[in-house]
Amino acid sequence: MAESGGEVERRSERPWGWFEILISAKGYLIKRLWLHPSSRISLQRHHHRSEHWVVVEGDGVLECEGGHLSASPGVTLTIPKRAVHRASAGEQGLMIVEVQRGDDLNDDDIERFADDYGRLG
C-alpha cells in the first residue's frame, strides 16, 4: 500500500489480481480482493490481525489451517490470528470482501510459507 500526499492508494495491483481498500479506521480495515481465474494468494499467516472473508463473486477454494472450503457467493471464512490460510480462484476468478481486525493492519504482517510469484523471505 503506497501513501501519496497523505492519502492511501485505494487499488493495489498484485501478480494474482488486485485489492482495493474500501474503508480504514482504528482497529479495522475493509478490502475488496479480486483473484484472476486460476490464480491464488500466498499461503500465509498474520501475527497481529484476524480476517473474515466473504465470497461475493466467482468460485475457488478457501484454505485455513489445513481445511478446504469450496468458495462461491455467500460463503464466509473466519481466519484467527496466526492461522495459516490461502484463497485460490477457480475458472471464474474470485472476489472476496475481507474485514481485518487488529492492532497492526500493515502489509508487513504477512509471513509467507508458499508463493507462486517468488515472494518468499
Protein backbone atom coordinates (compact mmCIF):
# COMPACT_ATOMS: atom_id res chain seq x y z
CA MET A 1 0.00 0.00 0.00
CA ALA A 2 1.52 3.31 -1.02
CA GLU A 3 0.86 6.69 0.50
CA SER A 4 0.93 9.89 -1.52
CA GLY A 5 0.14 13.31 -0.16
CA GLY A 6 -1.34 11.79 3.00
CA GLU A 7 -3.87 9.68 1.09
CA VAL A 8 -3.78 5.90 0.92
CA GLU A 9 -3.66 4.39 -2.57
CA ARG A 10 -7.02 2.64 -2.85
CA ARG A 11 -6.23 -0.03 -5.50
CA SER A 12 -3.08 -2.09 -5.45
CA GLU A 13 -2.17 -4.45 -8.30
CA ARG A 14 -0.68 -7.82 -7.43
CA PRO A 15 0.50 -10.75 -9.62
CA TRP A 16 -2.65 -12.70 -8.62
CA GLY A 17 -5.08 -9.80 -9.21
CA TRP A 18 -5.71 -6.68 -7.12
CA PHE A 19 -7.19 -5.35 -3.90
CA GLU A 20 -8.98 -2.12 -3.04
CA ILE A 21 -9.25 -0.55 0.38
CA LEU A 22 -12.90 0.28 0.98
CA ILE A 23 -12.50 1.78 4.47
CA SER A 24 -9.82 2.02 7.12
CA ALA A 25 -10.17 3.11 10.75
CA LYS A 26 -8.52 2.41 14.08
CA GLY A 27 -8.61 -1.35 14.66
CA TYR A 28 -10.15 -2.42 11.35
CA LEU A 29 -9.69 -2.30 7.58
CA ILE A 30 -12.05 -3.50 4.85
CA LYS A 31 -10.74 -4.59 1.44
CA ARG A 32 -12.18 -5.99 -1.77
CA LEU A 33 -9.88 -8.58 -3.41
CA TRP A 34 -10.07 -9.87 -6.98
CA LEU A 35 -8.14 -13.03 -7.87
CA HIS A 36 -7.68 -13.70 -11.59
CA PRO A 37 -9.02 -17.05 -12.82
CA SER A 38 -6.86 -19.98 -11.66
CA SER A 39 -4.60 -17.75 -9.52
CA ARG A 40 -4.03 -17.76 -5.76
CA ILE A 41 -2.57 -15.64 -3.00
CA SER A 42 0.36 -16.75 -0.85
CA LEU A 43 -0.03 -19.44 1.77
CA GLN A 44 0.39 -17.06 4.70
CA ARG A 45 -0.37 -16.03 8.25
CA HIS A 46 -0.61 -12.81 10.26
CA HIS A 47 0.55 -12.31 13.84
CA HIS A 48 -1.34 -9.11 14.63
CA ARG A 49 -4.71 -9.42 12.92
CA SER A 50 -7.62 -11.72 12.26
CA GLU A 51 -9.55 -11.70 8.98
CA HIS A 52 -13.07 -12.50 7.91
CA TRP A 53 -13.67 -13.31 4.23
CA VAL A 54 -16.99 -13.14 2.41
CA VAL A 55 -17.08 -14.50 -1.15
CA VAL A 56 -19.18 -12.19 -3.30
CA GLU A 57 -18.42 -13.41 -6.83
CA GLY A 58 -16.80 -16.30 -8.67
CA ASP A 59 -15.54 -19.65 -7.48
CA GLY A 60 -12.49 -21.28 -5.95
CA VAL A 61 -11.19 -22.74 -2.71
CA LEU A 62 -10.52 -21.13 0.69
CA GLU A 63 -7.93 -22.78 2.95
CA CYS A 64 -7.39 -22.30 6.68
CA GLU A 65 -5.22 -24.44 8.96
CA GLY A 66 -5.24 -27.37 6.51
CA GLY A 67 -9.02 -27.33 5.92
CA HIS A 68 -10.51 -26.59 2.49
CA LEU A 69 -13.82 -24.86 1.77
CA SER A 70 -15.42 -24.51 -1.68
CA ALA A 71 -15.77 -20.81 -2.45
CA SER A 72 -18.97 -19.49 -4.03
CA PRO A 73 -21.03 -16.33 -3.40
CA GLY A 74 -22.20 -16.18 0.21
CA VAL A 75 -19.51 -18.47 1.64
CA THR A 76 -17.67 -16.97 4.64
CA LEU A 77 -14.47 -17.87 6.45
CA THR A 78 -13.12 -16.52 9.74
CA ILE A 79 -9.32 -16.61 9.97
CA PRO A 80 -7.93 -16.24 13.51
CA LYS A 81 -4.59 -14.55 14.23
CA ARG A 82 -1.66 -16.86 13.39
CA ALA A 83 -3.79 -19.23 11.27
CA VAL A 84 -2.15 -20.35 8.02
CA HIS A 85 -4.51 -19.56 5.12
CA ARG A 86 -4.89 -19.02 1.37
CA ALA A 87 -7.53 -18.22 -1.25
CA SER A 88 -7.43 -19.81 -4.72
CA ALA A 89 -9.61 -18.76 -7.65
CA GLY A 90 -11.37 -21.19 -9.94
CA GLU A 91 -12.13 -20.74 -13.64
CA GLN A 92 -14.42 -17.74 -12.98
CA GLY A 93 -11.99 -15.79 -10.81
CA LEU A 94 -12.80 -14.93 -7.19
CA MET A 95 -13.99 -11.74 -5.48
CA ILE A 96 -13.69 -11.56 -1.68
CA VAL A 97 -14.62 -8.83 0.77
CA GLU A 98 -12.08 -9.00 3.61
CA VAL A 99 -12.51 -7.47 7.06
CA GLN A 100 -9.27 -7.20 9.02
CA ARG A 101 -9.30 -6.57 12.79
CA GLY A 102 -6.27 -6.00 14.98
CA ASP A 103 -3.66 -3.61 16.26
CA ASP A 104 -1.35 -3.85 13.21
CA LEU A 105 -3.07 -3.92 9.81
CA ASN A 106 0.10 -3.25 7.82
CA ASP A 107 1.14 -5.50 4.92
CA ASP A 108 4.42 -6.07 6.79
CA ASP A 109 2.43 -8.52 8.96
CA ILE A 110 2.47 -11.22 6.26
CA GLU A 111 4.52 -14.36 6.85
CA ARG A 112 4.57 -16.35 3.59
CA PHE A 113 5.06 -20.13 3.51
CA ALA A 114 4.46 -20.68 -0.22
CA ASP A 115 4.07 -18.24 -3.09
CA ASP A 116 3.59 -18.78 -6.82
CA TYR A 117 5.30 -15.46 -7.62
CA GLY A 118 8.64 -15.81 -5.79
CA ARG A 119 7.76 -13.51 -2.87
CA LEU A 120 9.10 -15.67 -0.03
CA GLY A 121 11.55 -14.36 2.54
